[in-house]
């Protein structure tokens, strides 16, 4: 059994890694900026933990994203906290079974988080809110990557392990 401090430190390290990668990916290739890796991490943790854990996860992930990306500090923290709380309530109210269902929920949560951020930016008069097409694209790309990561990657690893046990090679 892991201590609570150990779980929190692993979560902080995970979010720092995801946030750094999310900040650097658009500099490598601009379309990779549509991927919201932090929302994948926050969403999956929020679906699998308690309400209080989801709220803390959303706040932590959002603050790390705000500190790495710049802009208004607390904007993504508020949006991710609200979305993570909603995901925790959803997971408590309904049985969310299967990784594909989680991927669809994370994609929807990404769209909701984008709309919250957009509404807050418009309320504050901050220039440059994302268009609806960008929000939908970000949600779709994030859901697709989440689905590939939670469904496709374990299937690929299991297939690779079976082939290794039989002594077969990939061609």
Protein backbone atom coordinates (compact mmCIF):
# COMPACT_ATOMS: atom_id res chain seq x y z
CA UNK A 1 0.00 0.00 0.00
CA UNK A 2 1.31 3.40 -0.95
CA UNK A 3 1.25 6.35 1.40
CA UNK A 4 -0.90 9.36 0.44
CA UNK A 5 2.23 11.48 0.11
CA UNK A 6 3.70 8.95 -2.32
CA UNK A 7 0.55 9.01 -4.47
CA UNK A 8 0.49 12.81 -4.50
CA UNK A 9 4.16 13.05 -5.45
CA UNK A 10 3.66 10.56 -8.29
CA UNK A 11 0.65 12.55 -9.49
CA UNK A 12 2.63 15.80 -9.39
CA UNK A 13 5.47 14.20 -11.36
CA UNK A 14 3.00 12.78 -13.89
CA UNK A 15 1.33 16.17 -14.36
CA UNK A 16 4.69 17.95 -14.68
CA UNK A 17 5.76 15.46 -17.33
CA UNK A 18 2.46 15.68 -19.22
CA UNK A 19 2.41 19.48 -18.97
CA UNK A 20 5.98 19.78 -20.23
CA UNK A 21 5.29 17.46 -23.15
CA UNK A 22 2.05 19.32 -23.92
CA UNK A 23 3.94 22.63 -23.93
CA UNK A 24 6.74 21.33 -26.17
CA UNK A 25 4.70 19.32 -28.71
CA UNK A 26 3.29 22.33 -30.63
CA UNK A 27 6.83 23.66 -31.04
CA UNK A 28 7.83 20.41 -32.76
CA UNK A 29 4.75 20.23 -35.00
CA UNK A 30 1.87 22.69 -34.70
CA UNK A 31 -1.05 20.21 -35.13
CA UNK A 32 0.15 18.39 -32.01
CA UNK A 33 -1.08 21.44 -30.09
CA UNK A 34 -4.62 20.11 -30.47
CA UNK A 35 -3.84 17.29 -28.06
CA UNK A 36 -4.79 18.11 -24.47
CA UNK A 37 -2.68 15.58 -22.59
CA UNK A 38 -3.40 17.20 -19.25
CA UNK A 39 -7.14 16.68 -19.72
CA UNK A 40 -6.52 13.02 -20.52
CA UNK A 41 -4.55 12.60 -17.29
CA UNK A 42 -7.00 14.61 -15.18
CA UNK A 43 -10.04 12.94 -16.74
CA UNK A 44 -8.82 9.38 -16.29
CA UNK A 45 -7.77 10.03 -12.69
CA UNK A 46 -11.06 11.81 -11.93
CA UNK A 47 -13.09 8.90 -13.28
CA UNK A 48 -11.21 6.46 -11.05
CA UNK A 49 -11.08 8.34 -7.74
CA UNK A 50 -13.37 9.95 -5.20
CA UNK A 51 -14.98 13.37 -5.52
CA UNK A 52 -12.41 15.06 -3.28
CA UNK A 53 -9.57 13.35 -5.12
CA UNK A 54 -11.01 14.47 -8.46
CA UNK A 55 -11.29 18.08 -7.30
CA UNK A 56 -7.70 18.09 -6.05
CA UNK A 57 -6.56 16.40 -9.25
CA UNK A 58 -8.30 18.98 -11.42
CA UNK A 59 -6.90 21.88 -9.42
CA UNK A 60 -3.38 20.46 -9.45
CA UNK A 61 -3.42 19.64 -13.16
CA UNK A 62 -4.87 23.03 -14.06
CA UNK A 63 -2.38 24.96 -11.94
CA UNK A 64 0.52 23.05 -13.44
CA UNK A 65 -0.84 23.71 -16.93
CA UNK A 66 -1.29 27.41 -16.15
CA UNK A 67 2.22 27.72 -14.74
CA UNK A 68 3.84 25.98 -17.72
CA UNK A 69 1.76 27.54 -20.50
CA UNK A 70 1.50 31.10 -19.21
CA UNK A 71 -1.52 33.33 -19.45
CA UNK A 72 -4.01 33.86 -16.65
CA UNK A 73 -3.00 31.80 -13.61
CA UNK A 74 -6.00 29.87 -12.32
CA UNK A 75 -8.00 29.87 -15.55
CA UNK A 76 -7.34 26.24 -16.47
CA UNK A 77 -7.24 25.30 -12.80
CA UNK A 78 -10.83 26.47 -12.36
CA UNK A 79 -11.99 24.84 -15.59
CA UNK A 80 -10.26 21.52 -14.92
CA UNK A 81 -11.50 21.48 -11.32
CA UNK A 82 -15.09 22.01 -12.47
CA UNK A 83 -14.78 19.33 -15.15
CA UNK A 84 -13.05 16.86 -12.81
CA UNK A 85 -15.78 17.37 -10.22
CA UNK A 86 -18.39 16.70 -12.89
CA UNK A 87 -16.55 13.56 -14.00
CA UNK A 88 -16.37 12.29 -10.42
CA UNK A 89 -20.11 12.87 -9.97
CA UNK A 90 -20.73 11.10 -13.28
CA UNK A 91 -18.60 8.14 -12.23
CA UNK A 92 -20.40 7.97 -8.86
CA UNK A 93 -23.84 8.14 -10.45
CA UNK A 94 -23.32 5.81 -13.40
CA UNK A 95 -21.27 2.72 -14.01
CA UNK A 96 -18.57 3.78 -16.46
CA UNK A 97 -17.25 0.49 -17.80
CA UNK A 98 -14.58 0.04 -20.40
CA UNK A 99 -11.76 2.10 -21.72
CA UNK A 100 -13.67 3.16 -24.83
CA UNK A 101 -16.40 4.72 -22.68
CA UNK A 102 -13.71 6.52 -20.69
CA UNK A 103 -12.18 7.86 -23.92
CA UNK A 104 -15.53 9.23 -25.10
CA UNK A 105 -16.14 10.82 -21.69
CA UNK A 106 -12.67 12.40 -21.69
CA UNK A 107 -13.27 13.77 -25.20
CA UNK A 108 -16.55 15.30 -24.05
CA UNK A 109 -14.86 16.65 -20.93
CA UNK A 110 -12.21 18.27 -23.12
CA UNK A 111 -14.92 20.07 -25.09
CA UNK A 112 -16.65 21.19 -21.88
CA UNK A 113 -13.36 22.41 -20.41
CA UNK A 114 -12.65 24.34 -23.62
CA UNK A 115 -16.08 25.97 -23.46
CA UNK A 116 -15.53 26.96 -19.81
CA UNK A 117 -12.13 28.49 -20.66
CA UNK A 118 -13.65 30.26 -23.67
CA UNK A 119 -16.51 31.67 -21.57
CA UNK A 120 -14.11 32.88 -18.87
CA UNK A 121 -11.84 34.54 -21.44
CA UNK A 122 -14.80 36.29 -23.04
CA UNK A 123 -16.05 37.39 -19.62
CA UNK A 124 -12.64 38.84 -18.75
CA UNK A 125 -12.30 40.50 -22.15
CA UNK A 126 -9.11 38.59 -22.89
CA UNK A 127 -8.37 38.49 -26.62
CA UNK A 128 -8.06 35.32 -28.61
CA UNK A 129 -10.66 32.78 -27.50
CA UNK A 130 -10.56 29.61 -29.57
CA UNK A 131 -13.10 29.10 -32.29
CA UNK A 132 -15.73 26.38 -32.06
CA UNK A 133 -13.96 24.37 -34.77
CA UNK A 134 -10.73 24.39 -32.72
CA UNK A 135 -12.65 23.27 -29.60
CA UNK A 136 -14.27 20.38 -31.47
CA UNK A 137 -10.97 19.43 -33.11
CA UNK A 138 -9.18 19.46 -29.74
CA UNK A 139 -11.91 17.29 -28.19
CA UNK A 140 -11.81 14.83 -31.07
CA UNK A 141 -8.01 14.52 -31.14
CA UNK A 142 -7.85 14.18 -27.35
CA UNK A 143 -10.56 11.50 -27.33
CA UNK A 144 -8.86 9.62 -30.15
CA UNK A 145 -5.46 9.65 -28.44
CA UNK A 146 -7.06 8.69 -25.11
CA UNK A 147 -8.86 5.79 -26.80
CA UNK A 148 -5.71 4.64 -28.55
CA UNK A 149 -3.76 4.89 -25.32
CA UNK A 150 -6.27 3.11 -23.11
CA UNK A 151 -7.59 0.53 -25.59
CA UNK A 152 -5.10 0.18 -28.44
CA UNK A 153 -1.85 0.24 -26.49
CA UNK A 154 -2.81 -2.54 -24.02
CA UNK A 155 -4.02 -4.69 -26.94
CA UNK A 156 -0.74 -4.13 -28.76
CA UNK A 157 1.29 -4.99 -25.65
CA UNK A 158 -0.78 -8.14 -25.02
CA UNK A 159 -0.36 -9.21 -28.65
CA UNK A 160 3.38 -8.57 -28.45
CA UNK A 161 3.64 -10.63 -25.24
CA UNK A 162 1.74 -13.54 -26.82
CA UNK A 163 4.05 -13.46 -29.85
CA UNK A 164 7.10 -13.40 -27.58
CA UNK A 165 5.85 -16.43 -25.67
CA UNK A 166 5.40 -18.36 -28.92
CA UNK A 167 8.78 -17.26 -30.23
CA UNK A 168 7.31 -15.37 -33.21
CA UNK A 169 8.66 -12.09 -34.58
CA UNK A 170 6.98 -9.02 -36.01
CA UNK A 171 7.30 -8.73 -39.78
